[in-house]
Amino acid sequence: MVVLIVSVLIVIAVLVLTGAATSIRVVQQYERGVVFRFGRVRPETRGPGLALIAPIADRMQKVSMQIVTLPIPAQDGITRDNVTVRVDAVVYYRVVDPVRVAVDVQDYASAILQVAQASLRSIIGKSELDDLLSNRERLNQGLELMIDSPAVGWGVHIDRVEIKDVVLPESMKRSMSRQAEAERERRSRVITANGELQASEQLAQAAEVMAKHPAALQLRLLQTVVEVAAEKNSTLVLPFPVELLRFLESATPAEVRTAAAHVTAAVTPEEAAPAVATNGNASPVPPAAATVA
């Protein structure tokens, strides 16, 4: 009799331990537990820690609340300006309603992937090539709205969508390279033309100043001589401008010019001829130079 009682107690203890083992669940910090009782979902979810459920009546499904990184495979498409491209992207999403995720959609990860692929192809067809290359922020926002619209009904929130890479055909790459080169050449010519215009304006102003002040031309000439002499050249060509003669003429007093004119008028052609002849083998001297001598 005692043996029978002990056996019954042992059986009861085993059943209690087995029931406890089947009714106790551990929910992680990043998870939520959705309980189904006889197939009907319970509205409240089980938080992190130990969760007790009925051994036979209840069944728990754990749903992760972490942010999931979902890469979208590269999609081939034709842009609005008839350019064939290959675009891939990545989606970041998380579960906000574990009950709807467990009940309303069978495999929410696969559903999000299919919607993302279809939305990416749609964005490619609605966009131009320049937008895909330089205006990705606006395209990312549009793609996020397209994916988030059905995902909200599944209890999923789309945090961020980014287009990673745009692959172009080799012929299009060469065409864009030629276009960029032509654009740089155009800018270079415009800059050179603007420089020439500014230089011509400054030279015109300098010419006006030199016309008003002839001495400025002589000062500029002396500056040029200094710059040339600084290079240690053995030959130095010094032009003698006519403006310098005019400057010297204007700087000479009127009495000296009048006396020189009287002396020149007093010398006869016969008296000037021997002066020319006395130069010997030297090159002929102009009459004006002989008169001054």
C-alpha atoms as a PDB file:
ATOM      1  CA  MET A   1       0.000   0.000   0.000  1.00  0.00           C
ATOM      2  CA  VAL A   2       2.787   2.346   0.837  1.00  0.00           C
ATOM      3  CA  VAL A   3       4.523   1.512  -2.388  1.00  0.00           C
ATOM      4  CA  LEU A   4       1.368   2.324  -4.339  1.00  0.00           C
ATOM      5  CA  ILE A   5       0.978   5.668  -2.618  1.00  0.00           C
ATOM      6  CA  VAL A   6       4.612   6.554  -3.326  1.00  0.00           C
ATOM      7  CA  SER A   7       4.203   5.601  -6.960  1.00  0.00           C
ATOM      8  CA  VAL A   8       1.114   7.775  -7.285  1.00  0.00           C
ATOM      9  CA  LEU A   9       2.895  10.704  -5.719  1.00  0.00           C
ATOM     10  CA  ILE A  10       5.832  10.270  -8.052  1.00  0.00           C
ATOM     11  CA  VAL A  11       3.505  10.179 -11.064  1.00  0.00           C
ATOM     12  CA  ILE A  12       1.731  13.303  -9.853  1.00  0.00           C
ATOM     13  CA  ALA A  13       5.054  15.098  -9.323  1.00  0.00           C
ATOM     14  CA  VAL A  14       6.211  14.152 -12.812  1.00  0.00           C
ATOM     15  CA  LEU A  15       2.970  15.406 -14.297  1.00  0.00           C
ATOM     16  CA  VAL A  16       3.247  18.675 -12.362  1.00  0.00           C
ATOM     17  CA  LEU A  17       6.830  19.190 -13.484  1.00  0.00           C
ATOM     18  CA  THR A  18       5.931  18.338 -17.058  1.00  0.00           C
ATOM     19  CA  GLY A  19       3.001  20.755 -16.977  1.00  0.00           C
ATOM     20  CA  ALA A  20       5.150  23.457 -15.458  1.00  0.00           C
ATOM     21  CA  ALA A  21       7.788  22.912 -18.100  1.00  0.00           C
ATOM     22  CA  THR A  22       5.233  23.202 -20.870  1.00  0.00           C
ATOM     23  CA  SER A  23       3.486  26.213 -19.366  1.00  0.00           C
ATOM     24  CA  ILE A  24       6.531  28.355 -18.662  1.00  0.00           C
ATOM     25  CA  ARG A  25       8.042  30.377 -21.499  1.00  0.00           C
ATOM     26  CA  VAL A  26      10.972  32.768 -21.509  1.00  0.00           C
ATOM     27  CA  VAL A  27      10.496  35.928 -23.578  1.00  0.00           C
ATOM     28  CA  GLN A  28      13.611  37.890 -24.500  1.00  0.00           C
ATOM     29  CA  GLN A  29      13.908  41.646 -24.054  1.00  0.00           C
ATOM     30  CA  TYR A  30      13.583  42.285 -27.798  1.00  0.00           C
ATOM     31  CA  GLU A  31      10.594  39.934 -28.216  1.00  0.00           C
ATOM     32  CA  ARG A  32       6.869  39.945 -27.525  1.00  0.00           C
ATOM     33  CA  GLY A  33       4.771  36.843 -27.008  1.00  0.00           C
ATOM     34  CA  VAL A  34       1.442  36.440 -28.807  1.00  0.00           C
ATOM     35  CA  VAL A  35      -0.778  33.850 -27.080  1.00  0.00           C
ATOM     36  CA  PHE A  36      -3.359  31.738 -28.925  1.00  0.00           C
ATOM     37  CA  ARG A  37      -5.915  30.022 -26.654  1.00  0.00           C
ATOM     38  CA  PHE A  38      -7.700  27.210 -28.447  1.00  0.00           C
ATOM     39  CA  GLY A  39      -6.804  28.948 -31.704  1.00  0.00           C
ATOM     40  CA  ARG A  40      -8.102  32.391 -30.709  1.00  0.00           C
ATOM     41  CA  VAL A  41      -5.572  35.164 -30.247  1.00  0.00           C
ATOM     42  CA  ARG A  42      -5.412  36.916 -26.909  1.00  0.00           C
ATOM     43  CA  PRO A  43      -5.421  40.744 -27.203  1.00  0.00           C
ATOM     44  CA  GLU A  44      -2.682  41.218 -24.623  1.00  0.00           C
ATOM     45  CA  THR A  45       0.897  40.250 -25.414  1.00  0.00           C
ATOM     46  CA  ARG A  46       3.466  38.835 -23.011  1.00  0.00           C
ATOM     47  CA  GLY A  47       6.434  41.048 -22.239  1.00  0.00           C
ATOM     48  CA  PRO A  48      10.058  40.068 -21.591  1.00  0.00           C
ATOM     49  CA  GLY A  49      10.729  37.630 -18.742  1.00  0.00           C
ATOM     50  CA  LEU A  50       8.871  34.491 -17.618  1.00  0.00           C
ATOM     51  CA  ALA A  51       5.437  33.994 -19.175  1.00  0.00           C
ATOM     52  CA  LEU A  52       2.922  31.431 -17.902  1.00  0.00           C
ATOM     53  CA  ILE A  53       0.477  29.833 -20.305  1.00  0.00           C
ATOM     54  CA  ALA A  54      -2.037  27.028 -19.995  1.00  0.00           C
ATOM     55  CA  PRO A  55      -0.290  23.742 -20.830  1.00  0.00           C
ATOM     56  CA  ILE A  56      -2.841  22.425 -23.306  1.00  0.00           C
ATOM     57  CA  ALA A  57      -5.080  25.372 -24.158  1.00  0.00           C
ATOM     58  CA  ASP A  58      -2.467  28.019 -24.967  1.00  0.00           C
ATOM     59  CA  ARG A  59       0.192  28.299 -27.660  1.00  0.00           C
ATOM     60  CA  MET A  60       2.692  31.172 -27.745  1.00  0.00           C
ATOM     61  CA  GLN A  61       4.296  32.719 -30.834  1.00  0.00           C
ATOM     62  CA  LYS A  62       7.278  34.990 -30.278  1.00  0.00           C
ATOM     63  CA  VAL A  63       7.680  38.065 -32.493  1.00  0.00           C
ATOM     64  CA  SER A  64      10.946  39.999 -32.685  1.00  0.00           C
ATOM     65  CA  MET A  65      10.689  43.781 -32.248  1.00  0.00           C
ATOM     66  CA  GLN A  66      14.195  44.533 -33.499  1.00  0.00           C
ATOM     67  CA  ILE A  67      14.949  46.624 -36.578  1.00  0.00           C
ATOM     68  CA  VAL A  68      15.451  44.299 -39.547  1.00  0.00           C
ATOM     69  CA  THR A  69      17.828  45.105 -42.406  1.00  0.00           C
ATOM     70  CA  LEU A  70      16.371  43.796 -45.655  1.00  0.00           C
ATOM     71  CA  PRO A  71      18.533  44.089 -48.799  1.00  0.00           C
ATOM     72  CA  ILE A  72      16.547  44.428 -52.019  1.00  0.00           C
ATOM     73  CA  PRO A  73      18.081  42.485 -54.916  1.00  0.00           C
ATOM     74  CA  ALA A  74      19.191  44.537 -57.907  1.00  0.00           C
ATOM     75  CA  GLN A  75      16.300  45.309 -60.249  1.00  0.00           C
ATOM     76  CA  ASP A  76      16.614  45.968 -63.972  1.00  0.00           C
ATOM     77  CA  GLY A  77      14.454  48.729 -65.377  1.00  0.00           C
ATOM     78  CA  ILE A  78      14.121  51.483 -67.955  1.00  0.00           C
ATOM     79  CA  THR A  79      13.973  55.066 -66.759  1.00  0.00           C
ATOM     80  CA  ARG A  80      11.550  57.666 -68.034  1.00  0.00           C
ATOM     81  CA  ASP A  81      14.207  58.961 -70.473  1.00  0.00           C
ATOM     82  CA  ASN A  82      14.699  55.419 -71.909  1.00  0.00           C
ATOM     83  CA  VAL A  83      17.960  54.452 -70.203  1.00  0.00           C
ATOM     84  CA  THR A  84      18.463  50.865 -69.025  1.00  0.00           C
ATOM     85  CA  VAL A  85      19.753  50.766 -65.428  1.00  0.00           C
ATOM     86  CA  ARG A  86      20.241  48.249 -62.662  1.00  0.00           C
ATOM     87  CA  VAL A  87      19.380  49.506 -59.150  1.00  0.00           C
ATOM     88  CA  ASP A  88      19.583  47.881 -55.740  1.00  0.00           C
ATOM     89  CA  ALA A  89      18.453  49.213 -52.349  1.00  0.00           C
ATOM     90  CA  VAL A  90      18.079  48.347 -48.674  1.00  0.00           C
ATOM     91  CA  VAL A  91      15.056  48.591 -46.355  1.00  0.00           C
ATOM     92  CA  TYR A  92      15.081  49.064 -42.567  1.00  0.00           C
ATOM     93  CA  TYR A  93      11.815  48.087 -40.847  1.00  0.00           C
ATOM     94  CA  ARG A  94      10.527  46.969 -37.451  1.00  0.00           C
ATOM     95  CA  VAL A  95       7.368  45.410 -36.015  1.00  0.00           C
ATOM     96  CA  VAL A  96       5.084  47.784 -34.110  1.00  0.00           C
ATOM     97  CA  ASP A  97       2.028  45.521 -33.672  1.00  0.00           C
ATOM     98  CA  PRO A  98       2.970  41.893 -32.986  1.00  0.00           C
ATOM     99  CA  VAL A  99      -0.647  40.732 -32.921  1.00  0.00           C
ATOM    100  CA  ARG A 100      -1.357  41.951 -36.460  1.00  0.00           C
ATOM    101  CA  VAL A 101       1.972  40.543 -37.679  1.00  0.00           C
ATOM    102  CA  ALA A 102       1.078  37.126 -36.273  1.00  0.00           C
ATOM    103  CA  VAL A 103      -2.523  37.115 -37.512  1.00  0.00           C
ATOM    104  CA  ASP A 104      -2.908  39.270 -40.621  1.00  0.00           C
ATOM    105  CA  VAL A 105       0.088  38.123 -42.714  1.00  0.00           C
ATOM    106  CA  GLN A 106       1.602  34.686 -43.048  1.00  0.00           C
ATOM    107  CA  ASP A 107       5.247  35.690 -43.657  1.00  0.00           C
ATOM    108  CA  TYR A 108       5.654  39.426 -43.186  1.00  0.00           C
ATOM    109  CA  ALA A 109       9.400  39.406 -44.061  1.00  0.00           C
ATOM    110  CA  SER A 110       8.719  37.866 -47.463  1.00  0.00           C
ATOM    111  CA  ALA A 111       5.772  40.200 -48.019  1.00  0.00           C
ATOM    112  CA  ILE A 112       7.902  43.261 -47.278  1.00  0.00           C
ATOM    113  CA  LEU A 113      10.567  41.993 -49.711  1.00  0.00           C
ATOM    114  CA  GLN A 114       8.072  41.518 -52.540  1.00  0.00           C
ATOM    115  CA  VAL A 115       6.530  44.951 -52.016  1.00  0.00           C
ATOM    116  CA  ALA A 116       9.995  46.545 -51.912  1.00  0.00           C
ATOM    117  CA  GLN A 117      11.001  44.946 -55.221  1.00  0.00           C
ATOM    118  CA  ALA A 118       7.815  46.055 -56.961  1.00  0.00           C
ATOM    119  CA  SER A 119       8.120  49.588 -55.546  1.00  0.00           C
ATOM    120  CA  LEU A 120      11.755  49.858 -56.635  1.00  0.00           C
ATOM    121  CA  ARG A 121      10.884  48.893 -60.209  1.00  0.00           C
ATOM    122  CA  SER A 122       8.052  51.425 -60.167  1.00  0.00           C
ATOM    123  CA  ILE A 123      10.380  54.181 -58.943  1.00  0.00           C
ATOM    124  CA  ILE A 124      12.871  53.370 -61.711  1.00  0.00           C
ATOM    125  CA  GLY A 125      10.200  53.706 -64.378  1.00  0.00           C
ATOM    126  CA  LYS A 126       8.924  57.026 -63.014  1.00  0.00           C
ATOM    127  CA  SER A 127      12.338  58.687 -62.606  1.00  0.00           C
ATOM    128  CA  GLU A 128      14.917  60.080 -64.976  1.00  0.00           C
ATOM    129  CA  LEU A 129      18.567  59.105 -64.995  1.00  0.00           C
ATOM    130  CA  ASP A 130      19.727  62.414 -63.523  1.00  0.00           C
ATOM    131  CA  ASP A 131      17.367  61.945 -60.564  1.00  0.00           C
ATOM    132  CA  LEU A 132      18.704  58.459 -59.888  1.00  0.00           C
ATOM    133  CA  LEU A 133      22.269  59.765 -59.876  1.00  0.00           C
ATOM    134  CA  SER A 134      21.963  63.104 -58.066  1.00  0.00           C
ATOM    135  CA  ASN A 135      18.538  63.359 -56.380  1.00  0.00           C
ATOM    136  CA  ARG A 136      18.387  60.128 -54.409  1.00  0.00           C
ATOM    137  CA  GLU A 137      17.050  61.677 -51.207  1.00  0.00           C
ATOM    138  CA  ARG A 138      13.713  62.509 -52.815  1.00  0.00           C
ATOM    139  CA  LEU A 139      13.554  59.070 -54.445  1.00  0.00           C
ATOM    140  CA  ASN A 140      14.294  57.407 -51.111  1.00  0.00           C
ATOM    141  CA  GLN A 141      11.390  59.248 -49.511  1.00  0.00           C
ATOM    142  CA  GLY A 142       9.036  58.285 -52.336  1.00  0.00           C
ATOM    143  CA  LEU A 143      10.135  54.651 -52.162  1.00  0.00           C
ATOM    144  CA  GLU A 144       9.643  54.651 -48.389  1.00  0.00           C
ATOM    145  CA  LEU A 145       6.064  55.898 -48.763  1.00  0.00           C
ATOM    146  CA  MET A 146       5.274  53.267 -51.394  1.00  0.00           C
ATOM    147  CA  ILE A 147       6.507  50.427 -49.172  1.00  0.00           C
ATOM    148  CA  ASP A 148       5.063  51.820 -45.940  1.00  0.00           C
ATOM    149  CA  SER A 149       1.496  52.066 -47.290  1.00  0.00           C
ATOM    150  CA  PRO A 150       0.752  48.310 -47.273  1.00  0.00           C
ATOM    151  CA  ALA A 151       3.162  47.588 -44.404  1.00  0.00           C
ATOM    152  CA  VAL A 152       1.158  49.698 -41.951  1.00  0.00           C
ATOM    153  CA  GLY A 153      -1.793  47.314 -42.318  1.00  0.00           C
ATOM    154  CA  TRP A 154       0.497  44.410 -41.403  1.00  0.00           C
ATOM    155  CA  GLY A 155       1.769  45.998 -38.178  1.00  0.00           C
ATOM    156  CA  VAL A 156       5.161  46.869 -39.665  1.00  0.00           C
ATOM    157  CA  HIS A 157       6.762  50.306 -39.778  1.00  0.00           C
ATOM    158  CA  ILE A 158       9.330  51.229 -42.448  1.00  0.00           C
ATOM    159  CA  ASP A 159      12.093  53.243 -40.791  1.00  0.00           C
ATOM    160  CA  ARG A 160      14.289  54.007 -43.791  1.00  0.00           C
ATOM    161  CA  VAL A 161      14.831  53.074 -47.429  1.00  0.00           C
ATOM    162  CA  GLU A 162      18.040  53.848 -49.313  1.00  0.00           C
ATOM    163  CA  ILE A 163      19.085  53.285 -52.912  1.00  0.00           C
ATOM    164  CA  LYS A 164      22.597  51.864 -52.747  1.00  0.00           C
ATOM    165  CA  ASP A 165      23.934  51.642 -56.280  1.00  0.00           C
ATOM    166  CA  VAL A 166      22.949  52.468 -59.859  1.00  0.00           C
ATOM    167  CA  VAL A 167      24.701  50.444 -62.554  1.00  0.00           C
ATOM    168  CA  LEU A 168      24.794  51.974 -66.049  1.00  0.00           C
ATOM    169  CA  PRO A 169      25.675  50.386 -69.408  1.00  0.00           C
ATOM    170  CA  GLU A 170      29.201  51.010 -70.700  1.00  0.00           C
ATOM    171  CA  SER A 171      27.907  52.978 -73.693  1.00  0.00           C
ATOM    172  CA  MET A 172      26.021  55.337 -71.380  1.00  0.00           C
ATOM    173  CA  LYS A 173      29.126  55.775 -69.215  1.00  0.00           C
ATOM    174  CA  ARG A 174      31.148  56.800 -72.276  1.00  0.00           C
ATOM    175  CA  SER A 175      28.442  59.229 -73.386  1.00  0.00           C
ATOM    176  CA  MET A 176      28.282  60.829 -69.955  1.00  0.00           C
ATOM    177  CA  SER A 177      32.072  61.100 -69.895  1.00  0.00           C
ATOM    178  CA  ARG A 178      32.070  62.930 -73.235  1.00  0.00           C
ATOM    179  CA  GLN A 179      29.292  65.208 -72.017  1.00  0.00           C
ATOM    180  CA  ALA A 180      31.197  66.070 -68.849  1.00  0.00           C
ATOM    181  CA  GLU A 181      34.355  66.752 -70.863  1.00  0.00           C
ATOM    182  CA  ALA A 182      32.470  69.064 -73.219  1.00  0.00           C
ATOM    183  CA  GLU A 183      30.947  70.896 -70.265  1.00  0.00           C
ATOM    184  CA  ARG A 184      34.374  71.440 -68.691  1.00  0.00           C
ATOM    185  CA  GLU A 185      35.733  72.692 -72.035  1.00  0.00           C
ATOM    186  CA  ARG A 186      32.845  75.138 -72.314  1.00  0.00           C
ATOM    187  CA  ARG A 187      33.492  76.483 -68.823  1.00  0.00           C
ATOM    188  CA  SER A 188      37.190  76.841 -69.600  1.00  0.00           C
ATOM    189  CA  ARG A 189      36.471  78.888 -72.703  1.00  0.00           C
ATOM    190  CA  VAL A 190      34.004  81.096 -70.858  1.00  0.00           C
ATOM    191  CA  ILE A 191      36.527  81.758 -68.094  1.00  0.00           C
ATOM    192  CA  THR A 192      39.241  82.570 -70.636  1.00  0.00           C
ATOM    193  CA  ALA A 193      36.930  84.949 -72.490  1.00  0.00           C
ATOM    194  CA  ASN A 194      35.988  86.703 -69.253  1.00  0.00           C
ATOM    195  CA  GLY A 195      39.672  87.074 -68.424  1.00  0.00           C
ATOM    196  CA  GLU A 196      40.402  88.596 -71.810  1.00  0.00           C
ATOM    197  CA  LEU A 197      37.483  90.992 -71.410  1.00  0.00           C
ATOM    198  CA  GLN A 198      38.676  92.175 -68.016  1.00  0.00           C
ATOM    199  CA  ALA A 199      42.252  92.513 -69.267  1.00  0.00           C
ATOM    200  CA  SER A 200      41.142  94.581 -72.268  1.00  0.00           C
ATOM    201  CA  GLU A 201      39.150  96.885 -70.000  1.00  0.00           C
ATOM    202  CA  GLN A 202      42.142  97.410 -67.726  1.00  0.00           C
ATOM    203  CA  LEU A 203      44.449  98.013 -70.705  1.00  0.00           C
ATOM    204  CA  ALA A 204      42.018 100.557 -72.103  1.00  0.00           C
ATOM    205  CA  GLN A 205      42.031 102.413 -68.795  1.00  0.00           C
ATOM    206  CA  ALA A 206      45.833 102.283 -68.696  1.00  0.00           C
ATOM    207  CA  ALA A 207      46.011 103.661 -72.241  1.00  0.00           C
ATOM    208  CA  GLU A 208      43.763 106.558 -71.278  1.00  0.00           C
ATOM    209  CA  VAL A 209      45.995 107.395 -68.300  1.00  0.00           C
ATOM    210  CA  MET A 210      49.148 107.255 -70.454  1.00  0.00           C
ATOM    211  CA  ALA A 211      47.524 109.476 -73.068  1.00  0.00           C
ATOM    212  CA  LYS A 212      46.806 112.094 -70.427  1.00  0.00           C
ATOM    213  CA  HIS A 213      50.273 111.757 -68.819  1.00  0.00           C
ATOM    214  CA  PRO A 214      53.027 110.928 -71.377  1.00  0.00           C
ATOM    215  CA  ALA A 215      55.589 110.554 -68.583  1.00  0.00           C
ATOM    216  CA  ALA A 216      53.767 107.439 -67.422  1.00  0.00           C
ATOM    217  CA  LEU A 217      54.762 105.672 -70.648  1.00  0.00           C
ATOM    218  CA  GLN A 218      58.432 106.471 -70.010  1.00  0.00           C
ATOM    219  CA  LEU A 219      58.168 105.158 -66.444  1.00  0.00           C
ATOM    220  CA  ARG A 220      56.594 101.975 -67.743  1.00  0.00           C
ATOM    221  CA  LEU A 221      59.418 101.656 -70.273  1.00  0.00           C
ATOM    222  CA  LEU A 222      62.041 101.995 -67.556  1.00  0.00           C
ATOM    223  CA  GLN A 223      60.238  99.374 -65.491  1.00  0.00           C
ATOM    224  CA  THR A 224      60.308  97.010 -68.461  1.00  0.00           C
ATOM    225  CA  VAL A 225      64.056  97.620 -68.853  1.00  0.00           C
ATOM    226  CA  VAL A 226      64.594  96.776 -65.189  1.00  0.00           C
ATOM    227  CA  GLU A 227      62.636  93.529 -65.566  1.00  0.00           C
ATOM    228  CA  VAL A 228      64.593  92.541 -68.679  1.00  0.00           C
ATOM    229  CA  ALA A 229      67.949  93.426 -67.105  1.00  0.00           C
ATOM    230  CA  ALA A 230      67.130  91.257 -64.074  1.00  0.00           C
ATOM    231  CA  GLU A 231      67.345  88.160 -66.305  1.00  0.00           C
ATOM    232  CA  LYS A 232      71.114  88.799 -66.946  1.00  0.00           C
ATOM    233  CA  ASN A 233      70.840  89.044 -70.721  1.00  0.00           C
ATOM    234  CA  SER A 234      73.921  90.057 -72.679  1.00  0.00           C
ATOM    235  CA  THR A 235      71.922  92.047 -75.231  1.00  0.00           C
ATOM    236  CA  LEU A 236      69.509  94.767 -74.262  1.00  0.00           C
ATOM    237  CA  VAL A 237      67.290  96.401 -76.864  1.00  0.00           C
ATOM    238  CA  LEU A 238      66.103  99.805 -75.658  1.00  0.00           C
ATOM    239  CA  PRO A 239      63.450 101.421 -77.854  1.00  0.00           C
ATOM    240  CA  PHE A 240      63.388 105.188 -77.997  1.00  0.00           C
ATOM    241  CA  PRO A 241      59.782 106.315 -78.114  1.00  0.00           C
ATOM    242  CA  VAL A 242      58.674 109.390 -79.976  1.00  0.00           C
ATOM    243  CA  GLU A 243      56.643 110.407 -76.944  1.00  0.00           C
ATOM    244  CA  LEU A 244      59.914 110.939 -75.042  1.00  0.00           C
ATOM    245  CA  LEU A 245      61.045 113.460 -77.655  1.00  0.00           C
ATOM    246  CA  ARG A 246      57.746 115.232 -77.356  1.00  0.00           C
ATOM    247  CA  PHE A 247      58.113 115.229 -73.587  1.00  0.00           C
ATOM    248  CA  LEU A 248      61.646 116.686 -73.801  1.00  0.00           C
ATOM    249  CA  GLU A 249      60.435 119.271 -76.299  1.00  0.00           C
ATOM    250  CA  SER A 250      57.634 120.318 -74.009  1.00  0.00           C
ATOM    251  CA  ALA A 251      60.031 120.430 -71.030  1.00  0.00           C
ATOM    252  CA  THR A 252      62.641 122.616 -72.856  1.00  0.00           C
ATOM    253  CA  PRO A 253      62.276 126.388 -72.178  1.00  0.00           C
ATOM    254  CA  ALA A 254      60.974 128.551 -75.015  1.00  0.00           C
ATOM    255  CA  GLU A 255      64.166 130.751 -75.095  1.00  0.00           C
ATOM    256  CA  VAL A 256      66.406 127.739 -75.763  1.00  0.00           C
ATOM    257  CA  ARG A 257      64.172 126.523 -78.590  1.00  0.00           C
ATOM    258  CA  THR A 258      64.204 130.004 -80.199  1.00  0.00           C
ATOM    259  CA  ALA A 259      68.056 130.265 -80.033  1.00  0.00           C
ATOM    260  CA  ALA A 260      68.460 126.806 -81.564  1.00  0.00           C
ATOM    261  CA  ALA A 261      66.127 127.793 -84.404  1.00  0.00           C
ATOM    262  CA  HIS A 262      68.204 130.947 -85.155  1.00  0.00           C
ATOM    263  CA  VAL A 263      71.470 128.955 -85.229  1.00  0.00           C
ATOM    264  CA  THR A 264      69.996 126.404 -87.597  1.00  0.00           C
ATOM    265  CA  ALA A 265      68.719 129.105 -89.946  1.00  0.00           C
ATOM    266  CA  ALA A 266      72.171 130.846 -89.983  1.00  0.00           C
ATOM    267  CA  VAL A 267      74.041 127.758 -91.240  1.00  0.00           C
ATOM    268  CA  THR A 268      74.073 127.593 -95.084  1.00  0.00           C
ATOM    269  CA  PRO A 269      74.007 124.375 -97.064  1.00  0.00           C
ATOM    270  CA  GLU A 270      77.639 124.992 -98.204  1.00  0.00           C
ATOM    271  CA  GLU A 271      78.827 125.249 -94.593  1.00  0.00           C
ATOM    272  CA  ALA A 272      76.934 122.113 -93.616  1.00  0.00           C
ATOM    273  CA  ALA A 273      78.496 120.019 -96.417  1.00  0.00           C
ATOM    274  CA  PRO A 274      82.077 119.915 -94.967  1.00  0.00           C
ATOM    275  CA  ALA A 275      80.608 118.881 -91.645  1.00  0.00           C
ATOM    276  CA  VAL A 276      79.096 115.902 -93.309  1.00  0.00           C
ATOM    277  CA  ALA A 277      82.317 115.066 -95.105  1.00  0.00           C
ATOM    278  CA  THR A 278      84.490 115.220 -91.973  1.00  0.00           C
ATOM    279  CA  ASN A 279      82.932 112.023 -90.719  1.00  0.00           C
ATOM    280  CA  GLY A 280      85.294 109.993 -92.921  1.00  0.00           C
ATOM    281  CA  ASN A 281      84.328 106.367 -93.269  1.00  0.00           C
ATOM    282  CA  ALA A 282      81.558 106.657 -90.737  1.00  0.00           C
ATOM    283  CA  SER A 283      77.967 106.472 -91.793  1.00  0.00           C
ATOM    284  CA  PRO A 284      76.484 109.719 -93.082  1.00  0.00           C
ATOM    285  CA  VAL A 285      75.089 111.947 -90.382  1.00  0.00           C
ATOM    286  CA  PRO A 286      71.813 113.745 -91.043  1.00  0.00           C
ATOM    287  CA  PRO A 287      72.030 117.480 -91.543  1.00  0.00           C
ATOM    288  CA  ALA A 288      70.040 118.110 -88.436  1.00  0.00           C
ATOM    289  CA  ALA A 289      72.554 116.146 -86.329  1.00  0.00           C
ATOM    290  CA  ALA A 290      75.486 118.021 -87.915  1.00  0.00           C
ATOM    291  CA  THR A 291      73.893 121.334 -87.183  1.00  0.00           C
ATOM    292  CA  VAL A 292      73.476 120.498 -83.534  1.00  0.00           C
ATOM    293  CA  ALA A 293      77.125 119.403 -83.347  1.00  0.00           C
END
